[in-house]
Amino acid sequence: MKKIFALLLTFALLASFVGCGGKDKKNSDTVDLQYYAKIGQIPEVDYKLSAKCDKVEDELSDKYEAYLSNDPENSPDHDHDHYAEDTYFEVVDEGDYIFINGGSRYYFYKKAEKKEGISCIVTFGDAFGFKMGTFIYEIKNAMASVEFKEEEITEGMLFFDEYLSSGTVLSAEFNDVTVMFVFLDGELYATAMYKTASWE
C-alpha cells in the first residue's frame, strides 16, 4: 500500500511540474520604466524630478568652480558643444522657464512652479542602462510591454533641442510623468524625463 501511495505521489508531483512548464511565461521587461517614472529618476543622473532648484544650481555651480580652480586652462569654450562636458555649468533664463546646463545633463523648471522643483531632466549620455548609440529596436525589445508612442521629429518639436529637425522619438506616459528616448539615424541620442503637465 505504501508503494502505491508513493507511486501516486510521484505521478502527482511530475504532473504539477509538467503543468507549470506548459504555462505561458509573462513578458518580463529588462527595464522597469514605470518604476523609474514613479520615483522620477533616470538612474545615471544625480538628481530626480522635484529636486530643489536652488540645490541643483548651487551644487552644479560648486562642482564647476572646483573644476576651474583645479584646471583653469581647460575651461570649456562657450562656443562649442557641451554635451560631452560633465563639468560645464550655466543658468539660462528662457522667459517662463529656467534652463540649467550641466554639460551632458540638462535640468529645467518653470518659474511659476519653482517650489515644485525640477520638472524636466535631459541626458545626452547613458540612460536606464542603455549606452549612447543603442539601436531603437534594442530599447523597444528591452521594454516590450511598454506602450510607446513613436513619432518623427519635426523642427521645434523638442524644446530642449529646438534645432533638431530629424530623427525619431519614443515616448511613454506613466500617470503624470513622461519618459522620452530621442534617436538620430536609429541610435540613442538623448533621454528625457519630465512632468507631463508642465511641458505639454
Protein backbone atom coordinates (compact mmCIF):
# COMPACT_ATOMS: atom_id res chain seq x y z
CA MET A 1 0.00 0.00 0.00
CA LYS A 2 2.83 2.37 0.87
CA LYS A 3 4.47 1.69 -2.51
CA ILE A 4 1.24 2.50 -4.36
CA PHE A 5 0.82 5.71 -2.35
CA ALA A 6 4.42 6.74 -3.05
CA LEU A 7 3.96 5.99 -6.75
CA LEU A 8 0.77 8.08 -6.89
CA LEU A 9 2.50 10.94 -5.08
CA THR A 10 5.40 10.80 -7.56
CA PHE A 11 2.99 10.97 -10.52
CA ALA A 12 1.16 13.90 -8.92
CA LEU A 13 4.41 15.83 -8.47
CA LEU A 14 5.51 15.11 -12.05
CA ALA A 15 2.13 16.26 -13.36
CA SER A 16 2.41 19.53 -11.43
CA PHE A 17 5.89 20.22 -12.86
CA VAL A 18 4.69 19.49 -16.39
CA GLY A 19 1.65 21.73 -15.83
CA CYS A 20 3.80 24.62 -14.64
CA GLY A 21 6.17 24.25 -17.56
CA GLY A 22 3.32 24.38 -20.04
CA LYS A 23 2.02 27.77 -18.88
CA ASP A 24 2.85 30.89 -20.88
CA LYS A 25 5.58 32.90 -19.20
CA LYS A 26 4.80 36.54 -18.54
CA ASN A 27 6.71 39.02 -20.65
CA SER A 28 9.41 40.33 -18.31
CA ASP A 29 10.99 43.60 -19.36
CA THR A 30 14.65 44.08 -18.56
CA VAL A 31 13.97 47.72 -17.60
CA ASP A 32 11.09 48.69 -15.29
CA LEU A 33 10.43 52.09 -16.84
CA GLN A 34 7.22 52.58 -14.88
CA TYR A 35 9.13 52.23 -11.60
CA TYR A 36 11.70 54.86 -12.61
CA ALA A 37 8.94 57.21 -13.77
CA LYS A 38 7.20 56.77 -10.42
CA ILE A 39 10.32 57.81 -8.48
CA GLY A 40 11.22 60.48 -11.08
CA GLN A 41 14.72 59.19 -11.68
CA ILE A 42 16.97 58.40 -14.62
CA PRO A 43 19.38 56.07 -12.77
CA GLU A 44 22.56 57.55 -14.27
CA VAL A 45 21.58 61.12 -13.34
CA ASP A 46 22.37 62.60 -9.91
CA TYR A 47 19.08 64.49 -9.44
CA LYS A 48 15.44 63.41 -9.56
CA LEU A 49 12.33 65.23 -10.70
CA SER A 50 11.15 67.58 -7.94
CA ALA A 51 14.72 68.16 -6.70
CA LYS A 52 15.06 71.64 -5.20
CA CYS A 53 16.04 74.04 -7.97
CA ASP A 54 18.41 76.12 -5.84
CA LYS A 55 20.14 72.99 -4.57
CA VAL A 56 20.75 71.74 -8.12
CA GLU A 57 22.09 75.14 -9.20
CA ASP A 58 24.32 75.53 -6.14
CA GLU A 59 25.81 72.02 -6.31
CA LEU A 60 26.48 72.17 -10.05
CA SER A 61 27.98 75.64 -9.67
CA ASP A 62 30.26 74.42 -6.87
CA LYS A 63 31.36 71.45 -8.97
CA TYR A 64 32.13 73.73 -11.90
CA GLU A 65 34.07 76.19 -9.74
CA ALA A 66 36.12 73.34 -8.27
CA TYR A 67 36.87 72.11 -11.79
CA LEU A 68 38.00 75.58 -12.93
CA SER A 69 40.20 76.10 -9.88
CA ASN A 70 41.91 72.75 -10.44
CA ASP A 71 42.37 73.09 -14.21
CA PRO A 72 41.72 76.67 -15.42
CA GLU A 73 43.36 76.08 -18.82
CA ASN A 74 40.66 73.54 -19.71
CA SER A 75 37.74 75.89 -19.14
CA PRO A 76 35.05 74.90 -21.67
CA ASP A 77 34.65 77.36 -24.53
CA HIS A 78 31.09 78.70 -24.62
CA ASP A 79 31.06 78.43 -28.42
CA HIS A 80 31.49 74.67 -28.59
CA ASP A 81 29.17 71.76 -27.96
CA HIS A 82 28.80 71.00 -24.24
CA TYR A 83 27.04 67.62 -24.46
CA ALA A 84 30.20 65.72 -23.56
CA GLU A 85 31.28 68.18 -20.87
CA ASP A 86 30.17 66.97 -17.44
CA THR A 87 31.94 69.93 -15.86
CA TYR A 88 30.12 72.69 -17.73
CA PHE A 89 27.64 74.92 -15.89
CA GLU A 90 25.37 77.72 -17.00
CA VAL A 91 21.95 79.01 -15.92
CA VAL A 92 19.84 80.45 -18.74
CA ASP A 93 16.62 82.43 -18.30
CA GLU A 94 14.30 81.40 -21.14
CA GLY A 95 11.39 83.65 -20.17
CA ASP A 96 8.85 81.43 -18.48
CA TYR A 97 11.35 78.74 -17.55
CA ILE A 98 14.93 78.32 -16.34
CA PHE A 99 17.42 76.03 -18.08
CA ILE A 100 20.34 74.72 -16.03
CA ASN A 101 23.05 73.43 -18.35
CA GLY A 102 25.17 70.85 -16.57
CA GLY A 103 27.09 69.79 -19.68
CA SER A 104 25.70 66.43 -20.75
CA ARG A 105 22.78 66.84 -18.32
CA TYR A 106 20.10 69.49 -18.63
CA TYR A 107 17.64 70.49 -15.88
CA PHE A 108 14.56 72.65 -16.36
CA TYR A 109 11.88 74.22 -14.23
CA LYS A 110 9.04 76.63 -14.86
CA LYS A 111 9.46 79.90 -12.97
CA ALA A 112 5.84 79.82 -11.81
CA GLU A 113 6.38 76.27 -10.50
CA LYS A 114 9.78 76.72 -8.87
CA LYS A 115 8.55 75.49 -5.49
CA GLU A 116 7.63 72.18 -7.21
CA GLY A 117 11.28 71.69 -8.13
CA ILE A 118 12.97 70.42 -11.28
CA SER A 119 10.30 69.34 -13.75
CA CYS A 120 12.40 68.09 -16.67
CA ILE A 121 15.70 66.23 -16.89
CA VAL A 122 17.53 65.51 -20.15
CA THR A 123 20.69 63.46 -20.52
CA PHE A 124 22.94 63.23 -23.55
CA GLY A 125 24.60 60.18 -22.05
CA ASP A 126 23.76 56.67 -20.91
CA ALA A 127 20.25 56.20 -19.51
CA PHE A 128 18.37 53.29 -17.93
CA GLY A 129 21.36 51.05 -18.64
CA PHE A 130 21.38 51.88 -22.35
CA LYS A 131 24.56 53.29 -23.87
CA MET A 132 24.54 56.24 -26.22
CA GLY A 133 24.16 54.83 -29.71
CA THR A 134 21.91 51.92 -28.65
CA PHE A 135 19.63 50.99 -31.53
CA ILE A 136 15.93 51.80 -31.29
CA TYR A 137 14.88 48.15 -31.66
CA GLU A 138 17.05 47.17 -28.68
CA ILE A 139 15.25 49.64 -26.45
CA LYS A 140 11.84 48.51 -27.73
CA ASN A 141 12.76 44.86 -27.10
CA ALA A 142 14.04 45.60 -23.58
CA MET A 143 10.68 47.20 -22.72
CA ALA A 144 8.30 45.16 -24.86
CA SER A 145 5.33 45.68 -22.53
CA VAL A 146 5.61 49.50 -22.63
CA GLU A 147 3.19 51.20 -24.99
CA PHE A 148 5.45 53.69 -26.72
CA LYS A 149 4.24 56.48 -28.97
CA GLU A 150 6.64 56.70 -31.93
CA GLU A 151 6.96 59.97 -33.85
CA GLU A 152 9.24 61.51 -36.42
CA ILE A 153 10.94 64.68 -35.15
CA THR A 154 10.00 67.99 -36.73
CA GLU A 155 11.83 71.27 -36.20
CA GLY A 156 10.92 72.91 -32.90
CA MET A 157 9.29 69.72 -31.56
CA LEU A 158 11.83 69.28 -28.74
CA PHE A 159 12.13 72.38 -26.56
CA PHE A 160 15.46 71.17 -25.15
CA ASP A 161 16.95 70.84 -28.65
CA GLU A 162 14.72 73.04 -30.82
CA TYR A 163 17.03 72.96 -33.84
CA LEU A 164 16.88 69.18 -34.16
CA SER A 165 14.70 68.59 -37.21
CA SER A 166 15.09 64.89 -37.96
CA GLY A 167 15.13 61.63 -36.07
CA THR A 168 12.66 59.58 -34.08
CA VAL A 169 11.11 59.91 -30.63
CA LEU A 170 9.77 57.09 -28.48
CA SER A 171 7.70 58.37 -25.56
CA ALA A 172 5.64 56.73 -22.85
CA GLU A 173 3.48 58.39 -20.21
CA PHE A 174 3.09 56.98 -16.73
CA ASN A 175 0.45 58.87 -14.72
CA ASP A 176 1.97 62.37 -14.54
CA VAL A 177 5.47 61.62 -15.89
CA THR A 178 6.62 61.16 -19.49
CA VAL A 179 9.80 59.34 -20.48
CA MET A 180 11.23 60.10 -23.92
CA PHE A 181 14.02 58.50 -25.94
CA VAL A 182 15.38 60.50 -28.88
CA PHE A 183 17.13 58.74 -31.77
CA LEU A 184 19.23 60.01 -34.66
CA ASP A 185 19.65 57.53 -37.51
CA GLY A 186 18.06 54.88 -35.28
CA GLU A 187 20.62 55.30 -32.48
CA LEU A 188 20.04 56.74 -28.99
CA TYR A 189 20.94 60.43 -28.84
CA ALA A 190 19.16 61.76 -25.74
CA THR A 191 16.77 60.69 -23.00
CA ALA A 192 14.30 62.92 -21.18
CA MET A 193 12.00 62.55 -18.19
CA TYR A 194 9.52 65.28 -17.41
CA LYS A 195 6.35 66.16 -15.55
CA THR A 196 3.82 65.88 -18.34
CA ALA A 197 1.52 68.72 -17.24
CA SER A 198 4.41 71.19 -17.05
CA TRP A 199 5.81 70.62 -20.53
CA GLU A 200 2.90 69.61 -22.78
